Protein backbone atom coordinates (compact mmCIF):
# COMPACT_ATOMS: atom_id res chain seq x y z
CA MET A 1 18.27 -168.87 37.91
CA SER A 2 22.27 -169.69 37.76
CA ALA A 3 24.49 -169.56 40.43
CA ALA A 4 27.69 -167.41 38.98
CA ASN A 5 28.54 -164.06 40.74
CA ASP A 6 26.32 -162.25 38.28
CA THR A 7 22.85 -163.57 38.62
CA LYS A 8 21.21 -164.29 35.45
CA TYR A 9 17.40 -163.57 34.21
CA ASP A 10 15.97 -166.09 31.47
CA SER A 11 12.21 -164.53 31.56
CA GLY A 12 12.74 -162.34 28.74
CA VAL A 13 11.54 -159.23 30.09
CA PHE A 14 12.05 -156.37 31.86
CA LEU A 15 9.83 -155.01 34.26
CA LEU A 16 8.75 -151.38 33.86
CA SER A 17 7.38 -148.74 37.16
CA GLY A 18 5.98 -146.64 38.13
CA ILE A 19 6.35 -143.87 40.94
CA PRO A 20 7.88 -146.14 43.65
CA GLY A 21 5.76 -145.75 47.17
CA GLN A 22 2.34 -144.71 45.50
CA GLU A 23 1.31 -147.84 44.03
CA ASP A 24 -1.74 -147.34 45.86
CA LEU A 25 -2.66 -144.08 44.17
CA HIS A 26 -1.46 -145.26 40.73
CA LEU A 27 -5.23 -144.78 39.19
CA TRP A 28 -5.37 -141.81 40.37
CA ILE A 29 -2.08 -140.05 39.17
CA SER A 30 -3.47 -141.70 35.50
CA ILE A 31 -6.36 -139.65 35.54
CA PRO A 32 -3.48 -136.03 35.01
CA PHE A 33 -2.18 -138.55 32.40
CA CYS A 34 -4.88 -139.22 30.01
CA PHE A 35 -5.34 -136.05 30.06
CA MET A 36 -2.11 -135.15 29.22
CA TYR A 37 -2.22 -138.14 26.18
CA ALA A 38 -5.93 -136.58 24.94
CA ILE A 39 -4.91 -132.50 25.06
CA SER A 40 -1.12 -134.08 23.26
CA ILE A 41 -2.85 -135.68 20.47
CA VAL A 42 -5.95 -133.18 19.41
CA GLY A 43 -3.84 -130.40 20.29
CA ASN A 44 -0.94 -132.22 17.58
CA SER A 45 -4.00 -133.36 15.05
CA VAL A 46 -5.23 -129.63 14.82
CA ILE A 47 -1.98 -128.16 13.72
CA LEU A 48 -1.61 -130.52 11.21
CA PHE A 49 -5.54 -129.72 9.73
CA ILE A 50 -5.39 -126.60 10.26
CA VAL A 51 -2.17 -126.11 8.37
CA LYS A 52 -3.06 -129.01 5.58
CA THR A 53 -6.70 -126.96 5.40
CA ASN A 54 -5.22 -123.12 4.63
CA PRO A 55 -3.51 -122.27 1.76
CA SER A 56 -2.61 -119.27 3.50
CA LEU A 57 -0.42 -121.01 5.94
CA HIS A 58 1.66 -123.62 3.48
CA GLU A 59 4.68 -121.63 4.09
CA PRO A 60 8.30 -123.08 5.87
CA MET A 61 7.37 -121.76 9.43
CA TYR A 62 4.47 -123.45 9.73
CA ILE A 63 5.80 -126.92 7.71
CA PHE A 64 8.19 -126.68 9.89
CA LEU A 65 5.91 -126.53 12.63
CA SER A 66 3.62 -129.46 10.83
CA MET A 67 7.16 -131.41 11.03
CA LEU A 68 7.58 -131.10 15.00
CA ALA A 69 3.53 -131.66 15.50
CA ILE A 70 3.77 -135.05 13.72
CA THR A 71 6.64 -136.02 15.78
CA ASP A 72 5.09 -134.81 19.32
CA LEU A 73 2.29 -137.55 17.95
CA GLY A 74 4.63 -140.12 17.29
CA LEU A 75 6.63 -139.11 21.19
CA SER A 76 3.33 -139.48 22.77
CA LEU A 77 1.91 -143.00 21.02
CA ALA A 78 5.51 -144.07 21.81
CA THR A 79 5.26 -144.21 25.43
CA MET A 80 1.45 -144.28 25.82
CA PRO A 81 1.06 -147.81 25.95
CA THR A 82 3.64 -149.24 28.31
CA LEU A 83 2.75 -145.60 30.47
CA LEU A 84 -0.46 -146.11 30.51
CA GLY A 85 -0.13 -149.65 31.15
CA ILE A 86 1.40 -149.45 34.51
CA PHE A 87 -0.78 -146.70 35.83
CA LEU A 88 -4.46 -148.02 34.84
CA PHE A 89 -3.95 -151.85 34.44
CA ASN A 90 -0.57 -152.38 37.02
CA PHE A 91 0.69 -154.32 33.93
CA ARG A 92 4.41 -154.04 34.38
CA GLU A 93 6.06 -156.70 32.00
CA ILE A 94 7.84 -156.10 28.78
CA SER A 95 9.34 -158.16 26.97
CA LEU A 96 13.35 -157.46 25.40
CA ASN A 97 12.43 -157.17 22.16
CA ALA A 98 9.85 -154.83 22.32
CA CYS A 99 11.44 -152.77 25.17
CA PHE A 100 14.11 -152.58 22.50
CA ALA A 101 12.01 -151.43 19.84
CA GLN A 102 10.16 -148.81 22.53
CA LEU A 103 13.98 -146.98 23.18
CA PHE A 104 14.66 -147.63 19.54
CA PHE A 105 11.66 -145.28 18.13
CA ILE A 106 11.65 -143.08 21.62
CA HIS A 107 15.48 -142.09 21.15
CA SER A 108 14.94 -141.49 17.38
CA LEU A 109 11.65 -139.73 17.76
CA GLU A 110 14.03 -137.19 20.19
CA CYS A 111 16.47 -136.97 18.39
CA ILE A 112 14.00 -136.09 14.82
CA GLU A 113 12.62 -133.48 17.29
CA SER A 114 15.87 -131.84 17.82
CA SER A 115 16.68 -131.43 14.42
CA MET A 116 13.26 -130.64 13.49
CA LEU A 117 13.78 -127.56 16.42
CA LEU A 118 17.00 -126.94 14.26
CA LEU A 119 15.73 -126.26 11.38
CA MET A 120 12.96 -123.91 13.11
CA ALA A 121 15.81 -122.10 14.50
CA PHE A 122 17.34 -122.13 10.94
CA ASP A 123 13.97 -120.40 9.28
CA ARG A 124 13.72 -117.43 11.61
CA PHE A 125 17.19 -117.03 11.51
CA ILE A 126 16.98 -116.93 7.62
CA ALA A 127 13.89 -114.76 8.44
CA ILE A 128 15.66 -111.85 10.65
CA CYS A 129 19.18 -111.68 9.12
CA ASP A 130 18.67 -112.37 5.55
CA PRO A 131 15.06 -111.99 5.24
CA LEU A 132 15.67 -110.57 0.50
CA ARG A 133 16.69 -114.83 0.51
CA TYR A 134 13.96 -116.42 2.21
CA THR A 135 11.76 -117.72 0.20
CA SER A 136 14.61 -118.51 -2.48
CA ILE A 137 16.49 -120.23 0.40
CA LEU A 138 13.49 -122.37 2.03
CA SER A 139 11.40 -122.73 -1.07
CA LEU A 140 8.30 -124.82 -0.72
CA PRO A 141 10.24 -128.01 -2.13
CA ARG A 142 13.04 -128.14 -0.56
CA ILE A 143 11.28 -128.09 3.44
CA PRO A 144 10.28 -132.14 2.96
CA LYS A 145 13.70 -132.69 1.83
CA MET A 146 15.36 -131.10 4.98
CA GLY A 147 12.60 -133.34 7.01
CA LEU A 148 13.85 -135.97 5.35
CA VAL A 149 17.33 -135.97 5.72
CA CYS A 150 17.44 -135.37 9.16
CA ALA A 151 15.37 -138.14 10.15
CA LEU A 152 16.95 -140.49 8.24
CA SER A 153 20.04 -139.60 9.73
CA ARG A 154 18.86 -139.96 13.12
CA LEU A 155 17.07 -143.21 12.55
CA ALA A 156 20.77 -144.12 11.50
CA VAL A 157 22.84 -142.32 14.34
CA VAL A 158 19.98 -144.58 16.63
CA PHE A 159 19.66 -147.56 14.76
CA PRO A 160 22.80 -149.58 16.20
CA LEU A 161 21.64 -148.68 20.38
CA PRO A 162 19.36 -151.35 20.38
CA LEU A 163 20.93 -154.14 18.32
CA LEU A 164 24.45 -153.66 20.71
CA LEU A 165 21.81 -154.20 23.99
CA LYS A 166 19.99 -156.83 22.02
CA ARG A 167 24.05 -159.20 22.30
CA TYR A 168 24.02 -158.14 26.86
CA GLN A 169 22.71 -161.07 29.07
CA TYR A 170 20.63 -158.79 31.74
CA CYS A 171 21.71 -159.97 35.03
CA HIS A 172 20.44 -158.98 39.16
CA THR A 173 17.73 -157.40 38.17
CA ASN A 174 15.17 -157.04 35.57
CA VAL A 175 13.15 -153.96 36.88
CA LEU A 176 13.42 -151.07 35.22
CA SER A 177 13.39 -147.21 36.55
CA HIS A 178 10.86 -145.74 34.24
CA SER A 179 7.49 -146.32 32.42
CA TYR A 180 9.49 -147.07 29.47
CA CYS A 181 12.30 -148.35 27.88
CA LEU A 182 15.17 -146.12 27.66
CA HIS A 183 19.01 -147.21 26.53
CA GLN A 184 20.75 -145.36 30.14
CA ASP A 185 17.91 -147.04 32.38
CA VAL A 186 18.69 -150.92 29.95
CA MET A 187 21.78 -150.96 29.41
CA LYS A 188 22.74 -150.40 33.42
CA LEU A 189 21.33 -154.14 33.66
CA ALA A 190 23.77 -156.13 31.08
CA CYS A 191 26.18 -158.40 32.84
CA SER A 192 28.77 -157.55 30.38
CA ASP A 193 31.01 -155.13 30.07
CA ILE A 194 28.12 -152.03 28.86
CA LYS A 195 31.36 -149.52 27.82
CA ILE A 196 30.85 -149.97 23.66
CA ASN A 197 26.86 -149.14 24.60
CA SER A 198 28.24 -146.23 26.96
CA ILE A 199 30.62 -144.44 24.58
CA TYR A 200 28.25 -145.38 22.25
CA GLY A 201 25.13 -143.63 23.41
CA LEU A 202 27.23 -140.10 24.31
CA PHE A 203 28.80 -140.03 20.95
CA ALA A 204 24.64 -140.14 19.24
CA LYS A 205 23.73 -137.36 22.09
CA LEU A 206 26.30 -135.55 21.29
CA LEU A 207 25.83 -136.20 16.97
CA THR A 208 22.19 -135.19 17.51
CA MET A 209 21.31 -133.23 20.55
CA GLY A 210 24.88 -131.78 21.03
CA LEU A 211 25.45 -130.34 17.41
CA ASP A 212 22.02 -129.29 17.31
CA SER A 213 21.23 -127.38 20.37
CA LEU A 214 24.72 -125.44 19.72
CA PHE A 215 23.68 -124.72 16.41
CA ILE A 216 20.59 -123.44 17.96
CA LEU A 217 22.69 -120.83 20.38
CA LEU A 218 24.67 -119.98 17.04
CA SER A 219 21.73 -119.63 15.11
CA TYR A 220 19.84 -117.05 17.65
CA ALA A 221 23.47 -114.99 18.86
CA MET A 222 23.91 -113.93 15.26
CA ILE A 223 19.74 -113.17 15.04
CA LEU A 224 20.29 -110.75 18.34
CA ASN A 225 23.22 -109.53 16.97
CA THR A 226 21.57 -108.79 13.52
CA VAL A 227 18.51 -107.10 15.75
CA LEU A 228 20.32 -105.27 18.00
CA SER A 229 21.19 -103.19 15.47
CA ILE A 230 17.86 -101.98 14.51
CA VAL A 231 17.47 -98.65 15.38
CA SER A 232 13.67 -98.77 15.91
CA ARG A 233 12.54 -99.80 19.31
CA ILE A 234 9.09 -101.55 17.66
CA GLN A 235 10.96 -103.35 14.44
CA ILE A 236 12.92 -104.94 17.94
CA PHE A 237 10.39 -105.51 19.72
CA ARG A 238 8.85 -107.52 16.57
CA ALA A 239 11.84 -109.48 15.45
CA LEU A 240 12.16 -111.09 18.88
CA ASN A 241 8.75 -111.65 19.41
CA THR A 242 8.88 -113.90 16.02
CA CYS A 243 11.03 -116.12 17.97
CA VAL A 244 9.01 -116.44 21.05
CA SER A 245 7.07 -119.35 20.38
CA HIS A 246 10.10 -121.15 19.25
CA LEU A 247 12.33 -119.72 22.02
CA CYS A 248 9.55 -121.95 24.39
CA ALA A 249 9.27 -124.97 22.19
CA VAL A 250 13.59 -124.65 22.55
CA LEU A 251 13.05 -124.25 26.90
CA LEU A 252 10.58 -127.33 27.04
CA PHE A 253 12.41 -129.82 25.07
CA TYR A 254 16.07 -129.33 26.07
CA THR A 255 15.85 -128.89 29.83
CA PRO A 256 14.88 -132.07 31.22
CA GLN A 257 17.09 -133.76 28.65
CA ILE A 258 20.53 -132.39 29.76
CA GLY A 259 18.88 -133.32 33.22
CA LEU A 260 17.99 -136.63 33.42
CA SER A 261 21.30 -137.49 31.16
CA VAL A 262 23.30 -136.10 33.73
CA ILE A 263 21.47 -137.65 36.43
CA HIS A 264 21.98 -141.20 34.39
CA ARG A 265 25.34 -140.54 34.14
CA PHE A 266 27.35 -139.00 36.84
CA GLY A 267 23.96 -138.67 39.39
CA LYS A 268 24.29 -142.39 41.03
CA GLY A 269 23.22 -141.02 44.65
CA SER A 270 19.76 -139.44 43.14
CA SER A 271 17.17 -139.50 43.91
CA PRO A 272 14.68 -142.06 42.16
CA LEU A 273 11.46 -139.96 42.49
CA LEU A 274 13.92 -137.26 40.65
CA GLN A 275 14.66 -139.36 37.84
CA ILE A 276 10.74 -140.46 37.58
CA LEU A 277 9.91 -136.85 37.18
CA LEU A 278 12.40 -136.33 34.55
CA GLY A 279 11.80 -138.95 32.79
CA ASN A 280 8.20 -138.04 32.84
CA MET A 281 9.01 -134.33 31.43
CA SER A 282 11.33 -134.72 28.98
CA LEU A 283 8.42 -137.28 27.04
CA LEU A 284 5.28 -135.37 28.21
CA VAL A 285 5.65 -132.07 28.65
CA PRO A 286 6.61 -130.84 24.89
CA PRO A 287 4.00 -132.81 22.73
CA LEU A 288 1.50 -131.26 25.33
CA MET A 289 2.74 -127.55 25.82
CA ASN A 290 4.34 -127.16 21.70
CA PRO A 291 0.63 -126.83 20.31
CA ILE A 292 -0.78 -124.39 23.30
CA VAL A 293 2.88 -122.53 22.95
CA TYR A 294 2.46 -121.21 19.01
CA SER A 295 -1.57 -121.54 18.98
CA VAL A 296 -1.22 -118.51 21.63
CA LYS A 297 1.88 -116.32 20.52
CA SER A 298 0.81 -117.50 16.49
CA LYS A 299 -2.11 -114.67 15.69
CA HIS A 300 -2.87 -116.31 12.06
CA LEU A 301 -2.84 -119.84 13.46
CA ARG A 302 -4.83 -119.12 16.67
CA ALA A 303 -6.98 -117.22 14.21
CA ARG A 304 -8.18 -120.36 12.08
CA ILE A 305 -8.40 -122.63 14.92
CA ILE A 306 -11.11 -120.42 17.08
CA ASP A 307 -12.65 -120.26 13.37
CA VAL A 308 -12.55 -123.89 13.16
CA PHE A 309 -14.26 -124.21 16.12
CA SER A 310 -16.61 -121.90 16.11
CA LYS A 311 -17.79 -123.27 12.54
């Protein structure tokens, strides 16, 4: 260890955290986490299987849902090894390179999920506000290209984050606040000036999830304006009912994300337990709840799922 003011470590590892003060209960706490991961993986896999094997579901809304399911599977697989490693085996160590790789995948997939929610909002906007041009605007060959452009653009925005972190020396402590690596969490441990990382991290967040949430809000403002001009209350209810599942997905994704970002940047005196709770919610709840919400709300999808399991 160095004798300098900023004590540096050369072990080349970070230590991940479980739930402080509850180490004796980690094995029991792992049980609900295992169930959540199992339901997330099975639920999203079933969505993909049902949409792929049923030509009647080869429509823009369900193809976008498949893209969302793929992203949710990626998020679950990105966090599962370290989180279950801590709670099942008390394995807390993660190398710097593995940590940088994990935070790259986590932040990339979060940004991609945000863009998928934006595409789904655009789908609902066209379906309600301009239904006559729906099939021409959202043609089947165009949808995969839209998804690919969104994914590649988000990967490009997030890619500099681990490269910037890799330049730093880390000091004082190598203990992270979560069961996985996040950019905001890792950069606080650096000895050097982290102003560039802080500014670019905020810029990347605003450029991706910030703009996405703004456009989603604008889409629903125009949807609401169109729906309120309809005379029939039954038609108003039907139009709004097609948006309920997407609105639930948006709230499940953005609410903990916003809370966690605010706490990391401005809540220096906040409870560590609250940070851990919001961090786990932001990455575990959307992959868990999205297939459930869409299966319950979508009559056609629910019917296909019941048919498969009944056979």
